């Protein structure tokens, strides 16, 4: 997985169509090239302390490892965490993120 690192990458993803759930916002830009998908995560301090923010980001990275095929090549995706995952378990992240991904990419 390649990461979004620069602010301009996050801004470009934010201007693209998005899919929101109560716990997160999926912002995804399809550049329509053959590059690997790039992913970035943001969590504000409203989520909690550093431990809670890092746990949320670790869960999102783990979700990506198990569902790489849901992220098309050439996409730049930013995931904004609005509230911490319920119980901080992977199943709660999957329950929130899968519908958002399917709405955004249409099952591709």
PDB file of N, CA and C in Angstrom:
ATOM      1  N   UNK A   1       0.843  -1.174   0.000  1.00  0.00           N
ATOM      2  CA  UNK A   1       0.000   0.000   0.000  1.00  0.00           C
ATOM      3  C   UNK A   1       0.884   1.232   0.000  1.00  0.00           C
ATOM      4  N   UNK A   2       0.568   2.135  -0.884  1.00  0.00           N
ATOM      5  CA  UNK A   2       1.237   3.418  -0.885  1.00  0.00           C
ATOM      6  C   UNK A   2       0.373   4.396  -0.112  1.00  0.00           C
ATOM      7  N   UNK A   3       1.018   5.340   0.542  1.00  0.00           N
ATOM      8  CA  UNK A   3       0.294   6.286   1.395  1.00  0.00           C
ATOM      9  C   UNK A   3       0.166   7.648   0.734  1.00  0.00           C
ATOM     10  N   UNK A   4      -0.920   8.332   1.031  1.00  0.00           N
ATOM     11  CA  UNK A   4      -1.030   9.746   0.712  1.00  0.00           C
ATOM     12  C   UNK A   4      -0.249  10.477   1.788  1.00  0.00           C
ATOM     13  N   UNK A   5       0.679  11.314   1.395  1.00  0.00           N
ATOM     14  CA  UNK A   5       1.528  11.980   2.380  1.00  0.00           C
ATOM     15  C   UNK A   5       1.416  13.499   2.312  1.00  0.00           C
ATOM     16  N   UNK A   6       1.256  14.021   1.120  1.00  0.00           N
ATOM     17  CA  UNK A   6       1.255  15.477   0.964  1.00  0.00           C
ATOM     18  C   UNK A   6      -0.151  16.046   1.078  1.00  0.00           C
ATOM     19  N   UNK A   7      -0.234  17.250   1.575  1.00  0.00           N
ATOM     20  CA  UNK A   7      -1.521  17.900   1.748  1.00  0.00           C
ATOM     21  C   UNK A   7      -2.278  17.996   0.427  1.00  0.00           C
ATOM     22  N   UNK A   8      -1.579  18.281  -0.647  1.00  0.00           N
ATOM     23  CA  UNK A   8      -2.262  18.429  -1.939  1.00  0.00           C
ATOM     24  C   UNK A   8      -2.920  17.128  -2.396  1.00  0.00           C
ATOM     25  N   UNK A   9      -2.376  15.983  -1.998  1.00  0.00           N
ATOM     26  CA  UNK A   9      -3.013  14.705  -2.315  1.00  0.00           C
ATOM     27  C   UNK A   9      -4.325  14.545  -1.553  1.00  0.00           C
ATOM     28  N   UNK A  10      -4.322  14.941  -0.267  1.00  0.00           N
ATOM     29  CA  UNK A  10      -5.543  14.874   0.538  1.00  0.00           C
ATOM     30  C   UNK A  10      -6.591  15.864   0.014  1.00  0.00           C
ATOM     31  N   UNK A  11      -6.148  17.046  -0.398  1.00  0.00           N
ATOM     32  CA  UNK A  11      -7.078  18.055  -0.926  1.00  0.00           C
ATOM     33  C   UNK A  11      -7.697  17.568  -2.230  1.00  0.00           C
ATOM     34  N   UNK A  12      -6.905  16.949  -3.094  1.00  0.00           N
ATOM     35  CA  UNK A  12      -7.437  16.420  -4.353  1.00  0.00           C
ATOM     36  C   UNK A  12      -8.477  15.337  -4.089  1.00  0.00           C
ATOM     37  N   UNK A  13      -8.210  14.468  -3.120  1.00  0.00           N
ATOM     38  CA  UNK A  13      -9.177  13.425  -2.771  1.00  0.00           C
ATOM     39  C   UNK A  13     -10.440  14.044  -2.176  1.00  0.00           C
ATOM     40  N   UNK A  14     -10.282  15.108  -1.408  1.00  0.00           N
ATOM     41  CA  UNK A  14     -11.437  15.754  -0.779  1.00  0.00           C
ATOM     42  C   UNK A  14     -12.352  16.408  -1.813  1.00  0.00           C
ATOM     43  N   UNK A  15     -11.806  16.828  -2.926  1.00  0.00           N
ATOM     44  CA  UNK A  15     -12.618  17.466  -3.974  1.00  0.00           C
ATOM     45  C   UNK A  15     -13.362  16.444  -4.833  1.00  0.00           C
ATOM     46  N   UNK A  16     -12.968  15.198  -4.731  1.00  0.00           N
ATOM     47  CA  UNK A  16     -13.593  14.127  -5.509  1.00  0.00           C
ATOM     48  C   UNK A  16     -14.876  13.676  -4.820  1.00  0.00           C
ATOM     49  N   UNK A  17     -15.701  12.894  -5.501  1.00  0.00           N
ATOM     50  CA  UNK A  17     -16.912  12.369  -4.863  1.00  0.00           C
ATOM     51  C   UNK A  17     -16.580  11.566  -3.609  1.00  0.00           C
ATOM     52  N   UNK A  18     -17.506  11.607  -2.654  1.00  0.00           N
ATOM     53  CA  UNK A  18     -17.261  10.926  -1.389  1.00  0.00           C
ATOM     54  C   UNK A  18     -18.472  10.096  -0.991  1.00  0.00           C
ATOM     55  N   UNK A  19     -18.270   9.237  -0.013  1.00  0.00           N
ATOM     56  CA  UNK A  19     -19.347   8.433   0.568  1.00  0.00           C
ATOM     57  C   UNK A  19     -19.185   8.538   2.080  1.00  0.00           C
ATOM     58  N   UNK A  20     -20.254   8.916   2.762  1.00  0.00           N
ATOM     59  CA  UNK A  20     -20.179   9.123   4.200  1.00  0.00           C
ATOM     60  C   UNK A  20     -20.999   8.087   4.952  1.00  0.00           C
ATOM     61  N   UNK A  21     -20.514   7.730   6.115  1.00  0.00           N
ATOM     62  CA  UNK A  21     -21.233   6.886   7.064  1.00  0.00           C
ATOM     63  C   UNK A  21     -21.195   7.628   8.400  1.00  0.00           C
ATOM     64  N   UNK A  22     -21.920   7.177   9.391  1.00  0.00           N
ATOM     65  CA  UNK A  22     -21.872   7.883  10.676  1.00  0.00           C
ATOM     66  C   UNK A  22     -20.476   7.958  11.290  1.00  0.00           C
ATOM     67  N   UNK A  23     -19.635   6.985  11.026  1.00  0.00           N
ATOM     68  CA  UNK A  23     -18.321   6.948  11.659  1.00  0.00           C
ATOM     69  C   UNK A  23     -17.159   7.429  10.824  1.00  0.00           C
ATOM     70  N   UNK A  24     -17.345   7.539   9.493  1.00  0.00           N
ATOM     71  CA  UNK A  24     -16.225   7.943   8.650  1.00  0.00           C
ATOM     72  C   UNK A  24     -16.704   8.519   7.334  1.00  0.00           C
ATOM     73  N   UNK A  25     -15.775   9.167   6.648  1.00  0.00           N
ATOM     74  CA  UNK A  25     -16.030   9.695   5.309  1.00  0.00           C
ATOM     75  C   UNK A  25     -14.963   9.124   4.385  1.00  0.00           C
ATOM     76  N   UNK A  26     -15.393   8.560   3.271  1.00  0.00           N
ATOM     77  CA  UNK A  26     -14.492   8.007   2.270  1.00  0.00           C
ATOM     78  C   UNK A  26     -14.442   8.992   1.112  1.00  0.00           C
ATOM     79  N   UNK A  27     -13.275   9.587   0.892  1.00  0.00           N
ATOM     80  CA  UNK A  27     -13.080  10.529  -0.209  1.00  0.00           C
ATOM     81  C   UNK A  27     -12.147   9.856  -1.205  1.00  0.00           C
ATOM     82  N   UNK A  28     -12.604   9.696  -2.441  1.00  0.00           N
ATOM     83  CA  UNK A  28     -11.808   8.917  -3.384  1.00  0.00           C
ATOM     84  C   UNK A  28     -11.761   9.573  -4.756  1.00  0.00           C
ATOM     85  N   UNK A  29     -10.571   9.688  -5.274  1.00  0.00           N
ATOM     86  CA  UNK A  29     -10.322  10.249  -6.594  1.00  0.00           C
ATOM     87  C   UNK A  29      -9.789   9.143  -7.482  1.00  0.00           C
ATOM     88  N   UNK A  30     -10.396   8.953  -8.638  1.00  0.00           N
ATOM     89  CA  UNK A  30      -9.922   7.953  -9.584  1.00  0.00           C
ATOM     90  C   UNK A  30      -9.134   8.669 -10.664  1.00  0.00           C
ATOM     91  N   UNK A  31      -7.819   8.489 -10.649  1.00  0.00           N
ATOM     92  CA  UNK A  31      -6.958   9.152 -11.630  1.00  0.00           C
ATOM     93  C   UNK A  31      -6.882   8.372 -12.932  1.00  0.00           C
ATOM     94  N   UNK A  32      -7.469   7.194 -12.954  1.00  0.00           N
ATOM     95  CA  UNK A  32      -7.545   6.352 -14.142  1.00  0.00           C
ATOM     96  C   UNK A  32      -6.181   6.096 -14.759  1.00  0.00           C
ATOM     97  N   UNK A  33      -5.235   5.755 -13.906  1.00  0.00           N
ATOM     98  CA  UNK A  33      -3.935   5.305 -14.393  1.00  0.00           C
ATOM     99  C   UNK A  33      -3.689   3.906 -13.821  1.00  0.00           C
ATOM    100  N   UNK A  34      -2.544   3.348 -14.094  1.00  0.00           N
ATOM    101  CA  UNK A  34      -2.291   1.967 -13.656  1.00  0.00           C
ATOM    102  C   UNK A  34      -1.466   1.898 -12.373  1.00  0.00           C
ATOM    103  N   UNK A  35      -1.320   3.022 -11.687  1.00  0.00           N
ATOM    104  CA  UNK A  35      -0.540   3.036 -10.452  1.00  0.00           C
ATOM    105  C   UNK A  35      -1.275   2.291  -9.337  1.00  0.00           C
ATOM    106  N   UNK A  36      -0.524   1.854  -8.365  1.00  0.00           N
ATOM    107  CA  UNK A  36      -1.132   1.197  -7.210  1.00  0.00           C
ATOM    108  C   UNK A  36      -2.058   2.175  -6.495  1.00  0.00           C
ATOM    109  N   UNK A  37      -3.090   1.675  -5.831  1.00  0.00           N
ATOM    110  CA  UNK A  37      -3.956   2.570  -5.062  1.00  0.00           C
ATOM    111  C   UNK A  37      -3.178   3.206  -3.914  1.00  0.00           C
ATOM    112  N   UNK A  38      -3.466   4.470  -3.664  1.00  0.00           N
ATOM    113  CA  UNK A  38      -2.821   5.178  -2.558  1.00  0.00           C
ATOM    114  C   UNK A  38      -3.876   5.525  -1.532  1.00  0.00           C
ATOM    115  N   UNK A  39      -3.515   5.375  -0.263  1.00  0.00           N
ATOM    116  CA  UNK A  39      -4.462   5.538   0.826  1.00  0.00           C
ATOM    117  C   UNK A  39      -3.897   6.483   1.875  1.00  0.00           C
ATOM    118  N   UNK A  40      -4.789   7.303   2.446  1.00  0.00           N
ATOM    119  CA  UNK A  40      -4.412   8.176   3.544  1.00  0.00           C
ATOM    120  C   UNK A  40      -5.516   8.204   4.579  1.00  0.00           C
ATOM    121  N   UNK A  41      -5.136   8.368   5.842  1.00  0.00           N
ATOM    122  CA  UNK A  41      -6.104   8.374   6.930  1.00  0.00           C
ATOM    123  C   UNK A  41      -5.923   9.646   7.738  1.00  0.00           C
ATOM    124  N   UNK A  42      -7.044  10.219   8.185  1.00  0.00           N
ATOM    125  CA  UNK A  42      -6.973  11.353   9.084  1.00  0.00           C
ATOM    126  C   UNK A  42      -7.927  11.134  10.249  1.00  0.00           C
ATOM    127  N   UNK A  43      -7.463  11.530  11.414  1.00  0.00           N
ATOM    128  CA  UNK A  43      -8.266  11.471  12.641  1.00  0.00           C
ATOM    129  C   UNK A  43      -7.994  12.758  13.403  1.00  0.00           C
ATOM    130  N   UNK A  44      -9.041  13.493  13.724  1.00  0.00           N
ATOM    131  CA  UNK A  44      -8.836  14.715  14.497  1.00  0.00           C
ATOM    132  C   UNK A  44      -8.754  14.378  15.978  1.00  0.00           C
ATOM    133  N   UNK A  45      -8.402  15.352  16.767  1.00  0.00           N
ATOM    134  CA  UNK A  45      -8.303  15.139  18.204  1.00  0.00           C
ATOM    135  C   UNK A  45      -9.667  14.936  18.841  1.00  0.00           C
ATOM    136  N   UNK A  46     -10.741  15.186  18.097  1.00  0.00           N
ATOM    137  CA  UNK A  46     -12.082  14.922  18.611  1.00  0.00           C
ATOM    138  C   UNK A  46     -12.299  13.419  18.813  1.00  0.00           C
ATOM    139  N   UNK A  47     -11.537  12.607  18.109  1.00  0.00           N
ATOM    140  CA  UNK A  47     -11.654  11.148  18.202  1.00  0.00           C
ATOM    141  C   UNK A  47     -11.201  10.676  19.574  1.00  0.00           C
ATOM    142  N   UNK A  48     -10.210  11.332  20.128  1.00  0.00           N
ATOM    143  CA  UNK A  48      -9.686  10.924  21.426  1.00  0.00           C
ATOM    144  C   UNK A  48      -8.199  11.202  21.506  1.00  0.00           C
ATOM    145  N   UNK A  49      -7.563  10.550  22.443  1.00  0.00           N
ATOM    146  CA  UNK A  49      -6.127  10.762  22.603  1.00  0.00           C
ATOM    147  C   UNK A  49      -5.361  10.047  21.491  1.00  0.00           C
ATOM    148  N   UNK A  50      -4.044  10.133  21.532  1.00  0.00           N
ATOM    149  CA  UNK A  50      -3.215   9.554  20.477  1.00  0.00           C
ATOM    150  C   UNK A  50      -3.415   8.047  20.362  1.00  0.00           C
ATOM    151  N   UNK A  51      -3.635   7.389  21.477  1.00  0.00           N
ATOM    152  CA  UNK A  51      -3.837   5.940  21.461  1.00  0.00           C
ATOM    153  C   UNK A  51      -5.088   5.597  20.661  1.00  0.00           C
ATOM    154  N   UNK A  52      -6.176   6.311  20.892  1.00  0.00           N
ATOM    155  CA  UNK A  52      -7.435   6.050  20.182  1.00  0.00           C
ATOM    156  C   UNK A  52      -7.298   6.367  18.695  1.00  0.00           C
ATOM    157  N   UNK A  53      -6.632   7.462  18.364  1.00  0.00           N
ATOM    158  CA  UNK A  53      -6.454   7.827  16.945  1.00  0.00           C
ATOM    159  C   UNK A  53      -5.597   6.802  16.225  1.00  0.00           C
ATOM    160  N   UNK A  54      -4.511   6.381  16.848  1.00  0.00           N
ATOM    161  CA  UNK A  54      -3.633   5.395  16.222  1.00  0.00           C
ATOM    162  C   UNK A  54      -4.328   4.045  16.088  1.00  0.00           C
ATOM    163  N   UNK A  55      -5.142   3.676  17.064  1.00  0.00           N
ATOM    164  CA  UNK A  55      -5.878   2.411  16.988  1.00  0.00           C
ATOM    165  C   UNK A  55      -6.839   2.442  15.798  1.00  0.00           C
ATOM    166  N   UNK A  56      -7.530   3.567  15.614  1.00  0.00           N
ATOM    167  CA  UNK A  56      -8.457   3.689  14.482  1.00  0.00           C
ATOM    168  C   UNK A  56      -7.705   3.553  13.158  1.00  0.00           C
ATOM    169  N   UNK A  57      -6.550   4.187  13.047  1.00  0.00           N
ATOM    170  CA  UNK A  57      -5.779   4.109  11.808  1.00  0.00           C
ATOM    171  C   UNK A  57      -5.213   2.706  11.582  1.00  0.00           C
ATOM    172  N   UNK A  58      -4.802   2.035  12.653  1.00  0.00           N
ATOM    173  CA  UNK A  58      -4.329   0.645  12.517  1.00  0.00           C
ATOM    174  C   UNK A  58      -5.439  -0.261  12.019  1.00  0.00           C
ATOM    175  N   UNK A  59      -6.649  -0.066  12.530  1.00  0.00           N
ATOM    176  CA  UNK A  59      -7.786  -0.871  12.073  1.00  0.00           C
ATOM    177  C   UNK A  59      -8.078  -0.623  10.600  1.00  0.00           C
ATOM    178  N   UNK A  60      -7.956   0.617  10.149  1.00  0.00           N
ATOM    179  CA  UNK A  60      -8.192   0.922   8.737  1.00  0.00           C
ATOM    180  C   UNK A  60      -7.118   0.284   7.854  1.00  0.00           C
ATOM    181  N   UNK A  61      -5.877   0.317   8.303  1.00  0.00           N
ATOM    182  CA  UNK A  61      -4.814  -0.340   7.534  1.00  0.00           C
ATOM    183  C   UNK A  61      -5.050  -1.846   7.455  1.00  0.00           C
ATOM    184  N   UNK A  62      -5.501  -2.434   8.551  1.00  0.00           N
ATOM    185  CA  UNK A  62      -5.787  -3.869   8.559  1.00  0.00           C
ATOM    186  C   UNK A  62      -6.958  -4.187   7.627  1.00  0.00           C
ATOM    187  N   UNK A  63      -7.957  -3.318   7.598  1.00  0.00           N
ATOM    188  CA  UNK A  63      -9.066  -3.499   6.669  1.00  0.00           C
ATOM    189  C   UNK A  63      -8.546  -3.507   5.234  1.00  0.00           C
ATOM    190  N   UNK A  64      -7.648  -2.581   4.916  1.00  0.00           N
ATOM    191  CA  UNK A  64      -7.098  -2.518   3.563  1.00  0.00           C
ATOM    192  C   UNK A  64      -6.359  -3.812   3.214  1.00  0.00           C
ATOM    193  N   UNK A  65      -5.587  -4.338   4.136  1.00  0.00           N
ATOM    194  CA  UNK A  65      -4.844  -5.571   3.865  1.00  0.00           C
ATOM    195  C   UNK A  65      -5.773  -6.719   3.495  1.00  0.00           C
ATOM    196  N   UNK A  66      -6.930  -6.778   4.101  1.00  0.00           N
ATOM    197  CA  UNK A  66      -7.866  -7.858   3.827  1.00  0.00           C
ATOM    198  C   UNK A  66      -8.791  -7.615   2.651  1.00  0.00           C
ATOM    199  N   UNK A  67      -8.871  -6.362   2.182  1.00  0.00           N
ATOM    200  CA  UNK A  67      -9.818  -6.014   1.117  1.00  0.00           C
ATOM    201  C   UNK A  67      -9.155  -5.182   0.019  1.00  0.00           C
ATOM    202  N   UNK A  68      -7.925  -5.504  -0.334  1.00  0.00           N
ATOM    203  CA  UNK A  68      -7.198  -4.755  -1.360  1.00  0.00           C
ATOM    204  C   UNK A  68      -7.941  -4.710  -2.689  1.00  0.00           C
ATOM    205  N   UNK A  69      -8.667  -5.779  -2.989  1.00  0.00           N
ATOM    206  CA  UNK A  69      -9.351  -5.863  -4.277  1.00  0.00           C
ATOM    207  C   UNK A  69     -10.489  -4.845  -4.407  1.00  0.00           C
ATOM    208  N   UNK A  70     -10.931  -4.244  -3.319  1.00  0.00           N
ATOM    209  CA  UNK A  70     -11.999  -3.245  -3.381  1.00  0.00           C
ATOM    210  C   UNK A  70     -11.484  -1.858  -3.757  1.00  0.00           C
ATOM    211  N   UNK A  71     -10.164  -1.685  -3.774  1.00  0.00           N
ATOM    212  CA  UNK A  71      -9.564  -0.394  -4.116  1.00  0.00           C
ATOM    213  C   UNK A  71      -8.984  -0.492  -5.526  1.00  0.00           C
ATOM    214  N   UNK A  72      -9.635   0.108  -6.527  1.00  0.00           N
ATOM    215  CA  UNK A  72      -9.154   0.006  -7.911  1.00  0.00           C
ATOM    216  C   UNK A  72      -7.790   0.666  -8.096  1.00  0.00           C
ATOM    217  N   UNK A  73      -7.065   0.183  -9.090  1.00  0.00           N
ATOM    218  CA  UNK A  73      -5.769   0.777  -9.424  1.00  0.00           C
ATOM    219  C   UNK A  73      -5.979   2.211  -9.883  1.00  0.00           C
ATOM    220  N   UNK A  74      -5.023   3.061  -9.549  1.00  0.00           N
ATOM    221  CA  UNK A  74      -5.080   4.452  -9.960  1.00  0.00           C
ATOM    222  C   UNK A  74      -5.920   5.341  -9.057  1.00  0.00           C
ATOM    223  N   UNK A  75      -6.373   4.824  -7.934  1.00  0.00           N
ATOM    224  CA  UNK A  75      -7.213   5.641  -7.056  1.00  0.00           C
ATOM    225  C   UNK A  75      -6.395   6.259  -5.934  1.00  0.00           C
ATOM    226  N   UNK A  76      -6.846   7.406  -5.504  1.00  0.00           N
ATOM    227  CA  UNK A  76      -6.290   8.097  -4.349  1.00  0.00           C
ATOM    228  C   UNK A  76      -7.433   8.222  -3.353  1.00  0.00           C
ATOM    229  N   UNK A  77      -7.325   7.565  -2.215  1.00  0.00           N
ATOM    230  CA  UNK A  77      -8.413   7.499  -1.254  1.00  0.00           C
ATOM    231  C   UNK A  77      -7.980   8.069   0.086  1.00  0.00           C
ATOM    232  N   UNK A  78      -8.780   8.987   0.601  1.00  0.00           N
ATOM    233  CA  UNK A  78      -8.578   9.521   1.946  1.00  0.00           C
ATOM    234  C   UNK A  78      -9.767   9.092   2.792  1.00  0.00           C
ATOM    235  N   UNK A  79      -9.488   8.552   3.959  1.00  0.00           N
ATOM    236  CA  UNK A  79     -10.540   8.133   4.878  1.00  0.00           C
ATOM    237  C   UNK A  79     -10.440   9.013   6.113  1.00  0.00           C
ATOM    238  N   UNK A  80     -11.525   9.739   6.380  1.00  0.00           N
ATOM    239  CA  UNK A  80     -11.585  10.642   7.525  1.00  0.00           C
ATOM    240  C   UNK A  80     -12.425   9.972   8.606  1.00  0.00           C
ATOM    241  N   UNK A  81     -11.831   9.752   9.756  1.00  0.00           N
ATOM    242  CA  UNK A  81     -12.537   9.113  10.863  1.00  0.00           C
ATOM    243  C   UNK A  81     -13.299  10.190  11.626  1.00  0.00           C
ATOM    244  N   UNK A  82     -14.627  10.030  11.725  1.00  0.00           N
ATOM    245  CA  UNK A  82     -15.470  10.985  12.446  1.00  0.00           C
ATOM    246  C   UNK A  82     -15.633  10.623  13.908  1.00  0.00           C
ATOM    247  N   UNK A  83     -15.736   9.336  14.186  1.00  0.00           N
ATOM    248  CA  UNK A  83     -15.844   8.871  15.567  1.00  0.00           C
ATOM    249  C   UNK A  83     -15.120   7.540  15.666  1.00  0.00           C
ATOM    250  N   UNK A  84     -14.628   7.205  16.850  1.00  0.00           N
ATOM    251  CA  UNK A  84     -13.869   5.952  16.972  1.00  0.00           C
ATOM    252  C   UNK A  84     -14.749   4.747  16.688  1.00  0.00           C
ATOM    253  N   UNK A  85     -14.172   3.696  16.096  1.00  0.00           N
ATOM    254  CA  UNK A  85     -14.940   2.480  15.818  1.00  0.00           C
ATOM    255  C   UNK A  85     -15.506   1.878  17.102  1.00  0.00           C
ATOM    256  N   UNK A  86     -16.706   1.328  17.012  1.00  0.00           N
ATOM    257  CA  UNK A  86     -17.361   0.714  18.174  1.00  0.00           C
ATOM    258  C   UNK A  86     -16.512  -0.435  18.713  1.00  0.00           C
ATOM    259  N   UNK A  87     -16.100  -0.309  19.954  1.00  0.00           N
ATOM    260  CA  UNK A  87     -15.314  -1.373  20.571  1.00  0.00           C
ATOM    261  C   UNK A  87     -13.925  -1.517  19.993  1.00  0.00           C
ATOM    262  N   UNK A  88     -13.567  -0.655  19.035  1.00  0.00           N
ATOM    263  CA  UNK A  88     -12.254  -0.692  18.390  1.00  0.00           C
ATOM    264  C   UNK A  88     -11.917  -2.092  17.883  1.00  0.00           C
ATOM    265  N   UNK A  89     -12.857  -2.692  17.137  1.00  0.00           N
ATOM    266  CA  UNK A  89     -12.627  -4.004  16.551  1.00  0.00           C
ATOM    267  C   UNK A  89     -12.778  -3.914  15.036  1.00  0.00           C
ATOM    268  N   UNK A  90     -12.122  -4.827  14.348  1.00  0.00           N
ATOM    269  CA  UNK A  90     -12.103  -4.802  12.895  1.00  0.00           C
ATOM    270  C   UNK A  90     -13.497  -4.986  12.292  1.00  0.00           C
ATOM    271  N   UNK A  91     -14.333  -5.776  12.931  1.00  0.00           N
ATOM    272  CA  UNK A  91     -15.665  -6.017  12.377  1.00  0.00           C
ATOM    273  C   UNK A  91     -16.494  -4.737  12.314  1.00  0.00           C
ATOM    274  N   UNK A  92     -16.321  -3.834  13.277  1.00  0.00           N
ATOM    275  CA  UNK A  92     -17.068  -2.575  13.232  1.00  0.00           C
ATOM    276  C   UNK A  92     -16.553  -1.677  12.109  1.00  0.00           C
ATOM    277  N   UNK A  93     -15.253  -1.724  11.855  1.00  0.00           N
ATOM    278  CA  UNK A  93     -14.699  -0.949  10.740  1.00  0.00           C
ATOM    279  C   UNK A  93     -15.230  -1.505   9.420  1.00  0.00           C
ATOM    280  N   UNK A  94     -15.257  -2.816   9.277  1.00  0.00           N
ATOM    281  CA  UNK A  94     -15.780  -3.445   8.056  1.00  0.00           C
ATOM    282  C   UNK A  94     -17.241  -3.072   7.836  1.00  0.00           C
ATOM    283  N   UNK A  95     -18.025  -3.084   8.906  1.00  0.00           N
ATOM    284  CA  UNK A  95     -19.451  -2.763   8.787  1.00  0.00           C
ATOM    285  C   UNK A  95     -19.670  -1.341   8.308  1.00  0.00           C
ATOM    286  N   UNK A  96     -18.771  -0.433   8.620  1.00  0.00           N
ATOM    287  CA  UNK A  96     -18.902   0.964   8.191  1.00  0.00           C
ATOM    288  C   UNK A  96     -18.295   1.196   6.807  1.00  0.00           C
ATOM    289  N   UNK A  97     -17.129   0.603   6.574  1.00  0.00           N
ATOM    290  CA  UNK A  97     -16.375   0.934   5.368  1.00  0.00           C
ATOM    291  C   UNK A  97     -16.841   0.184   4.124  1.00  0.00           C
ATOM    292  N   UNK A  98     -17.255  -1.054   4.259  1.00  0.00           N
ATOM    293  CA  UNK A  98     -17.694  -1.828   3.089  1.00  0.00           C
ATOM    294  C   UNK A  98     -18.846  -1.159   2.332  1.00  0.00           C
ATOM    295  N   UNK A  99     -19.924  -0.732   3.003  1.00  0.00           N
ATOM    296  CA  UNK A  99     -21.003  -0.067   2.263  1.00  0.00           C
ATOM    297  C   UNK A  99     -20.550   1.230   1.595  1.00  0.00           C
ATOM    298  N   UNK A 100     -19.663   1.977   2.254  1.00  0.00           N
ATOM    299  CA  UNK A 100     -19.166   3.213   1.669  1.00  0.00           C
ATOM    300  C   UNK A 100     -18.346   2.931   0.405  1.00  0.00           C
ATOM    301  N   UNK A 101     -17.509   1.909   0.463  1.00  0.00           N
ATOM    302  CA  UNK A 101     -16.712   1.545  -0.710  1.00  0.00           C
ATOM    303  C   UNK A 101     -17.601   1.086  -1.862  1.00  0.00           C
ATOM    304  N   UNK A 102     -18.594   0.275  -1.551  1.00  0.00           N
ATOM    305  CA  UNK A 102     -19.482  -0.212  -2.601  1.00  0.00           C
ATOM    306  C   UNK A 102     -20.299   0.927  -3.203  1.00  0.00           C
ATOM    307  N   UNK A 103     -20.708   1.887  -2.377  1.00  0.00           N
ATOM    308  CA  UNK A 103     -21.429   3.054  -2.909  1.00  0.00           C
ATOM    309  C   UNK A 103     -20.523   3.873  -3.827  1.00  0.00           C
ATOM    310  N   UNK A 104     -19.280   4.066  -3.395  1.00  0.00           N
ATOM    311  CA  UNK A 104     -18.355   4.920  -4.155  1.00  0.00           C
ATOM    312  C   UNK A 104     -17.908   4.258  -5.456  1.00  0.00           C
ATOM    313  N   UNK A 105     -17.533   2.988  -5.400  1.00  0.00           N
ATOM    314  CA  UNK A 105     -16.970   2.336  -6.582  1.00  0.00           C
ATOM    315  C   UNK A 105     -17.980   1.466  -7.317  1.00  0.00           C
ATOM    316  N   UNK A 106     -19.149   1.294  -6.788  1.00  0.00           N
ATOM    317  CA  UNK A 106     -20.160   0.516  -7.460  1.00  0.00           C
ATOM    318  C   UNK A 106     -19.831  -0.962  -7.563  1.00  0.00           C
ATOM    319  N   UNK A 107     -19.069  -1.470  -6.594  1.00  0.00           N
ATOM    320  CA  UNK A 107     -18.757  -2.893  -6.577  1.00  0.00           C
ATOM    321  C   UNK A 107     -17.554  -3.272  -7.412  1.00  0.00           C
ATOM    322  N   UNK A 108     -16.829  -2.306  -8.011  1.00  0.00           N
ATOM    323  CA  UNK A 108     -15.635  -2.625  -8.806  1.00  0.00           C
ATOM    324  C   UNK A 108     -14.524  -3.066  -7.917  1.00  0.00           C
TER     325      UNK A 108
END
